[in-house]
């Protein structure tokens, strides 16, 4: 049980290139199904780690890495295929690069190990990012044009929460 959350996170990390390939090939139904499983796995591994005290040092790194790789890879592939506007893809990718870059720079140039506890707004942001991907892939998979109007609202919420959470991490780093 101790390693189960790490195995689940590893599944999520390894699912990213497969989902990207499926999107690039236009196999949206398969990418939708695999992405939904990967997204659910994010909640499941955290639940298991907390409930059964199965958290680990490795898990503290692999879980957020898997999240970042999955979301950035899928956003880039949706942008590449023209399924999401470039500006939202750039915003999402820039925020994640800012966070990962900040952690790396801190860990290289200081003796303080910066392990990020996610901000609440960051958890909301991740939820909106996941919902946007699910909605785009569902629209493509099931031909549901009514989802387009919802997509515009989700893009707005993704943009706002991405900007606020990115700024929140910057403020936290400068305070600490």
C-alpha atoms as a PDB file:
ATOM      1  CA  UNK A   1       0.000   0.000   0.000  1.00  0.00           C
ATOM      2  CA  UNK A   2       2.939   2.331   0.732  1.00  0.00           C
ATOM      3  CA  UNK A   3       3.974   2.551  -2.938  1.00  0.00           C
ATOM      4  CA  UNK A   4       0.489   2.526  -4.480  1.00  0.00           C
ATOM      5  CA  UNK A   5       0.172   6.338  -4.707  1.00  0.00           C
ATOM      6  CA  UNK A   6       3.561   6.494  -6.462  1.00  0.00           C
ATOM      7  CA  UNK A   7       2.530   3.764  -8.902  1.00  0.00           C
ATOM      8  CA  UNK A   8      -0.668   5.674  -9.681  1.00  0.00           C
ATOM      9  CA  UNK A   9       1.316   8.898 -10.200  1.00  0.00           C
ATOM     10  CA  UNK A  10       3.718   7.015 -12.464  1.00  0.00           C
ATOM     11  CA  UNK A  11       0.728   5.784 -14.515  1.00  0.00           C
ATOM     12  CA  UNK A  12      -0.367   9.413 -14.912  1.00  0.00           C
ATOM     13  CA  UNK A  13       3.130  10.479 -15.951  1.00  0.00           C
ATOM     14  CA  UNK A  14       3.420   7.665 -18.500  1.00  0.00           C
ATOM     15  CA  UNK A  15      -0.080   8.283 -19.854  1.00  0.00           C
ATOM     16  CA  UNK A  16       0.872  11.791 -21.022  1.00  0.00           C
ATOM     17  CA  UNK A  17       2.774  10.802 -24.210  1.00  0.00           C
ATOM     18  CA  UNK A  18       0.083   8.270 -25.098  1.00  0.00           C
ATOM     19  CA  UNK A  19      -2.669  10.876 -24.737  1.00  0.00           C
ATOM     20  CA  UNK A  20      -0.647  13.350 -26.811  1.00  0.00           C
ATOM     21  CA  UNK A  21      -0.170  10.743 -29.550  1.00  0.00           C
ATOM     22  CA  UNK A  22      -3.902   9.954 -29.534  1.00  0.00           C
ATOM     23  CA  UNK A  23      -4.769  13.657 -29.844  1.00  0.00           C
ATOM     24  CA  UNK A  24      -2.252  14.226 -32.649  1.00  0.00           C
ATOM     25  CA  UNK A  25      -3.677  11.216 -34.518  1.00  0.00           C
ATOM     26  CA  UNK A  26      -7.221  12.534 -34.058  1.00  0.00           C
ATOM     27  CA  UNK A  27      -8.289   9.608 -31.884  1.00  0.00           C
ATOM     28  CA  UNK A  28     -10.250  11.854 -29.555  1.00  0.00           C
ATOM     29  CA  UNK A  29     -12.508   9.231 -27.973  1.00  0.00           C
ATOM     30  CA  UNK A  30      -9.523   7.203 -26.810  1.00  0.00           C
ATOM     31  CA  UNK A  31      -7.681  10.312 -25.632  1.00  0.00           C
ATOM     32  CA  UNK A  32     -10.836  11.393 -23.764  1.00  0.00           C
ATOM     33  CA  UNK A  33     -11.113   8.058 -21.939  1.00  0.00           C
ATOM     34  CA  UNK A  34      -7.424   7.865 -21.037  1.00  0.00           C
ATOM     35  CA  UNK A  35      -7.320  11.508 -19.937  1.00  0.00           C
ATOM     36  CA  UNK A  36     -10.367  11.054 -17.689  1.00  0.00           C
ATOM     37  CA  UNK A  37      -8.689   8.049 -16.043  1.00  0.00           C
ATOM     38  CA  UNK A  38      -5.455  10.012 -15.630  1.00  0.00           C
ATOM     39  CA  UNK A  39      -7.315  12.982 -14.141  1.00  0.00           C
ATOM     40  CA  UNK A  40      -9.204  10.766 -11.699  1.00  0.00           C
ATOM     41  CA  UNK A  41      -5.920   9.112 -10.724  1.00  0.00           C
ATOM     42  CA  UNK A  42      -4.711  12.485  -9.429  1.00  0.00           C
ATOM     43  CA  UNK A  43      -7.464  12.519  -6.814  1.00  0.00           C
ATOM     44  CA  UNK A  44      -7.122   8.802  -6.067  1.00  0.00           C
ATOM     45  CA  UNK A  45      -3.381   8.823  -5.352  1.00  0.00           C
ATOM     46  CA  UNK A  46      -3.758  11.795  -3.021  1.00  0.00           C
ATOM     47  CA  UNK A  47      -6.679  10.175  -1.217  1.00  0.00           C
ATOM     48  CA  UNK A  48      -4.748   6.937  -0.720  1.00  0.00           C
ATOM     49  CA  UNK A  49      -1.619   8.764   0.450  1.00  0.00           C
ATOM     50  CA  UNK A  50      -3.558  10.813   3.031  1.00  0.00           C
ATOM     51  CA  UNK A  51      -6.004   8.154   4.203  1.00  0.00           C
ATOM     52  CA  UNK A  52      -3.504   5.343   4.602  1.00  0.00           C
ATOM     53  CA  UNK A  53      -0.503   7.524   5.490  1.00  0.00           C
ATOM     54  CA  UNK A  54       1.201   6.215   2.370  1.00  0.00           C
ATOM     55  CA  UNK A  55       2.872   9.486   1.436  1.00  0.00           C
ATOM     56  CA  UNK A  56       6.563   9.412   0.612  1.00  0.00           C
ATOM     57  CA  UNK A  57       9.435  11.692  -0.311  1.00  0.00           C
ATOM     58  CA  UNK A  58       9.329  10.296  -3.860  1.00  0.00           C
ATOM     59  CA  UNK A  59       5.594  10.944  -4.005  1.00  0.00           C
ATOM     60  CA  UNK A  60       6.132  14.568  -2.978  1.00  0.00           C
ATOM     61  CA  UNK A  61       8.001  15.030  -6.256  1.00  0.00           C
ATOM     62  CA  UNK A  62       6.474  12.527  -8.674  1.00  0.00           C
ATOM     63  CA  UNK A  63       2.836  13.550  -8.056  1.00  0.00           C
ATOM     64  CA  UNK A  64       3.210  17.250  -8.953  1.00  0.00           C
ATOM     65  CA  UNK A  65       5.614  16.331 -11.771  1.00  0.00           C
ATOM     66  CA  UNK A  66       3.039  13.944 -13.240  1.00  0.00           C
ATOM     67  CA  UNK A  67       0.368  16.645 -12.971  1.00  0.00           C
ATOM     68  CA  UNK A  68       2.523  19.238 -14.715  1.00  0.00           C
ATOM     69  CA  UNK A  69       3.702  16.893 -17.468  1.00  0.00           C
ATOM     70  CA  UNK A  70       0.186  15.628 -18.173  1.00  0.00           C
ATOM     71  CA  UNK A  71      -1.484  19.036 -18.302  1.00  0.00           C
ATOM     72  CA  UNK A  72       1.295  20.840 -20.187  1.00  0.00           C
ATOM     73  CA  UNK A  73       1.618  18.021 -22.731  1.00  0.00           C
ATOM     74  CA  UNK A  74      -2.122  17.873 -23.374  1.00  0.00           C
ATOM     75  CA  UNK A  75      -2.477  21.659 -23.594  1.00  0.00           C
ATOM     76  CA  UNK A  76       0.423  21.800 -26.053  1.00  0.00           C
ATOM     77  CA  UNK A  77      -1.075  19.044 -28.204  1.00  0.00           C
ATOM     78  CA  UNK A  78      -4.527  20.681 -28.204  1.00  0.00           C
ATOM     79  CA  UNK A  79      -2.879  23.963 -29.180  1.00  0.00           C
ATOM     80  CA  UNK A  80      -0.843  22.271 -31.891  1.00  0.00           C
ATOM     81  CA  UNK A  81      -4.010  20.797 -33.385  1.00  0.00           C
ATOM     82  CA  UNK A  82      -5.741  24.200 -33.221  1.00  0.00           C
ATOM     83  CA  UNK A  83      -8.288  22.918 -30.709  1.00  0.00           C
ATOM     84  CA  UNK A  84      -7.411  25.568 -28.120  1.00  0.00           C
ATOM     85  CA  UNK A  85      -6.371  29.159 -28.738  1.00  0.00           C
ATOM     86  CA  UNK A  86      -2.641  29.761 -28.569  1.00  0.00           C
ATOM     87  CA  UNK A  87      -2.914  32.433 -25.871  1.00  0.00           C
ATOM     88  CA  UNK A  88      -4.493  30.083 -23.302  1.00  0.00           C
ATOM     89  CA  UNK A  89      -1.948  27.364 -24.089  1.00  0.00           C
ATOM     90  CA  UNK A  90       0.909  29.855 -23.658  1.00  0.00           C
ATOM     91  CA  UNK A  91      -0.539  31.132 -20.373  1.00  0.00           C
ATOM     92  CA  UNK A  92      -0.947  27.627 -18.910  1.00  0.00           C
ATOM     93  CA  UNK A  93       2.499  26.467 -20.060  1.00  0.00           C
ATOM     94  CA  UNK A  94       4.198  29.693 -18.910  1.00  0.00           C
ATOM     95  CA  UNK A  95       2.709  29.397 -15.406  1.00  0.00           C
ATOM     96  CA  UNK A  96       3.878  25.807 -15.044  1.00  0.00           C
ATOM     97  CA  UNK A  97       7.340  26.643 -16.380  1.00  0.00           C
ATOM     98  CA  UNK A  98       7.472  29.537 -13.914  1.00  0.00           C
ATOM     99  CA  UNK A  99       6.644  27.218 -11.018  1.00  0.00           C
ATOM    100  CA  UNK A 100       9.012  24.420 -12.053  1.00  0.00           C
ATOM    101  CA  UNK A 101      11.750  26.922 -12.929  1.00  0.00           C
ATOM    102  CA  UNK A 102      11.334  28.676  -9.590  1.00  0.00           C
ATOM    103  CA  UNK A 103      11.710  25.416  -7.698  1.00  0.00           C
ATOM    104  CA  UNK A 104      14.787  24.412  -9.718  1.00  0.00           C
ATOM    105  CA  UNK A 105      16.483  27.817  -9.387  1.00  0.00           C
ATOM    106  CA  UNK A 106      15.782  27.874  -5.651  1.00  0.00           C
ATOM    107  CA  UNK A 107      17.081  24.355  -5.106  1.00  0.00           C
ATOM    108  CA  UNK A 108      20.250  25.021  -7.140  1.00  0.00           C
ATOM    109  CA  UNK A 109      21.131  28.438  -5.704  1.00  0.00           C
ATOM    110  CA  UNK A 110      19.981  28.164  -2.092  1.00  0.00           C
ATOM    111  CA  UNK A 111      20.329  25.603   0.636  1.00  0.00           C
ATOM    112  CA  UNK A 112      16.585  25.699   1.278  1.00  0.00           C
ATOM    113  CA  UNK A 113      14.690  22.816  -0.312  1.00  0.00           C
ATOM    114  CA  UNK A 114      11.608  24.387  -1.851  1.00  0.00           C
ATOM    115  CA  UNK A 115       8.788  21.883  -1.939  1.00  0.00           C
ATOM    116  CA  UNK A 116       5.563  23.552  -2.843  1.00  0.00           C
ATOM    117  CA  UNK A 117       2.423  23.059  -0.894  1.00  0.00           C
ATOM    118  CA  UNK A 118      -0.178  23.931  -3.498  1.00  0.00           C
ATOM    119  CA  UNK A 119      -2.144  27.115  -3.005  1.00  0.00           C
ATOM    120  CA  UNK A 120      -5.916  26.704  -2.799  1.00  0.00           C
ATOM    121  CA  UNK A 121      -6.315  28.755  -5.971  1.00  0.00           C
ATOM    122  CA  UNK A 122      -3.842  26.396  -7.647  1.00  0.00           C
ATOM    123  CA  UNK A 123      -6.066  23.423  -6.844  1.00  0.00           C
ATOM    124  CA  UNK A 124      -9.038  25.319  -8.296  1.00  0.00           C
ATOM    125  CA  UNK A 125      -6.914  26.180 -11.325  1.00  0.00           C
ATOM    126  CA  UNK A 126      -5.963  22.538 -11.860  1.00  0.00           C
ATOM    127  CA  UNK A 127      -9.628  21.559 -11.661  1.00  0.00           C
ATOM    128  CA  UNK A 128     -10.585  24.171 -14.286  1.00  0.00           C
ATOM    129  CA  UNK A 129      -7.669  23.117 -16.517  1.00  0.00           C
ATOM    130  CA  UNK A 130      -8.770  19.486 -16.319  1.00  0.00           C
ATOM    131  CA  UNK A 131     -12.424  20.360 -16.946  1.00  0.00           C
ATOM    132  CA  UNK A 132     -11.457  22.378 -20.027  1.00  0.00           C
ATOM    133  CA  UNK A 133      -9.514  19.453 -21.476  1.00  0.00           C
ATOM    134  CA  UNK A 134     -12.354  17.040 -20.692  1.00  0.00           C
ATOM    135  CA  UNK A 135     -14.847  19.391 -22.321  1.00  0.00           C
ATOM    136  CA  UNK A 136     -12.752  19.874 -25.486  1.00  0.00           C
ATOM    137  CA  UNK A 137     -12.155  16.134 -25.852  1.00  0.00           C
ATOM    138  CA  UNK A 138     -15.821  15.333 -25.091  1.00  0.00           C
ATOM    139  CA  UNK A 139     -16.954  17.842 -27.711  1.00  0.00           C
ATOM    140  CA  UNK A 140     -14.668  16.206 -30.277  1.00  0.00           C
ATOM    141  CA  UNK A 141     -15.480  12.648 -29.209  1.00  0.00           C
ATOM    142  CA  UNK A 142     -19.231  12.885 -28.988  1.00  0.00           C
ATOM    143  CA  UNK A 143     -20.039  15.762 -31.349  1.00  0.00           C
ATOM    144  CA  UNK A 144     -21.681  17.951 -28.750  1.00  0.00           C
ATOM    145  CA  UNK A 145     -21.640  21.487 -30.188  1.00  0.00           C
ATOM    146  CA  UNK A 146     -23.630  22.795 -27.206  1.00  0.00           C
ATOM    147  CA  UNK A 147     -20.432  22.460 -25.180  1.00  0.00           C
ATOM    148  CA  UNK A 148     -18.839  25.341 -27.122  1.00  0.00           C
ATOM    149  CA  UNK A 149     -20.542  28.031 -25.059  1.00  0.00           C
ATOM    150  CA  UNK A 150     -19.468  26.333 -21.825  1.00  0.00           C
ATOM    151  CA  UNK A 151     -15.934  26.109 -23.218  1.00  0.00           C
ATOM    152  CA  UNK A 152     -15.699  29.897 -23.494  1.00  0.00           C
ATOM    153  CA  UNK A 153     -16.583  30.277 -19.805  1.00  0.00           C
ATOM    154  CA  UNK A 154     -14.088  27.598 -18.818  1.00  0.00           C
ATOM    155  CA  UNK A 155     -11.341  29.284 -20.840  1.00  0.00           C
ATOM    156  CA  UNK A 156     -12.081  32.492 -18.926  1.00  0.00           C
ATOM    157  CA  UNK A 157     -11.896  30.692 -15.553  1.00  0.00           C
ATOM    158  CA  UNK A 158      -8.706  28.868 -16.571  1.00  0.00           C
ATOM    159  CA  UNK A 159      -7.099  32.169 -17.593  1.00  0.00           C
ATOM    160  CA  UNK A 160      -8.086  33.987 -14.393  1.00  0.00           C
ATOM    161  CA  UNK A 161      -7.103  31.182 -12.008  1.00  0.00           C
ATOM    162  CA  UNK A 162      -3.869  30.535 -13.924  1.00  0.00           C
ATOM    163  CA  UNK A 163      -2.829  34.179 -13.618  1.00  0.00           C
ATOM    164  CA  UNK A 164      -3.842  34.436  -9.954  1.00  0.00           C
ATOM    165  CA  UNK A 165      -2.134  31.186  -8.949  1.00  0.00           C
ATOM    166  CA  UNK A 166       1.052  32.080 -10.836  1.00  0.00           C
ATOM    167  CA  UNK A 167       1.091  35.437  -9.070  1.00  0.00           C
ATOM    168  CA  UNK A 168       0.348  33.725  -5.761  1.00  0.00           C
ATOM    169  CA  UNK A 169       3.409  31.514  -6.072  1.00  0.00           C
ATOM    170  CA  UNK A 170       5.582  34.521  -6.929  1.00  0.00           C
ATOM    171  CA  UNK A 171       4.313  36.374  -3.855  1.00  0.00           C
ATOM    172  CA  UNK A 172       4.940  33.343  -1.656  1.00  0.00           C
ATOM    173  CA  UNK A 173       8.504  32.965  -2.939  1.00  0.00           C
ATOM    174  CA  UNK A 174       9.361  36.621  -2.430  1.00  0.00           C
ATOM    175  CA  UNK A 175       7.949  36.555   1.107  1.00  0.00           C
ATOM    176  CA  UNK A 176       9.877  33.434   2.046  1.00  0.00           C
END
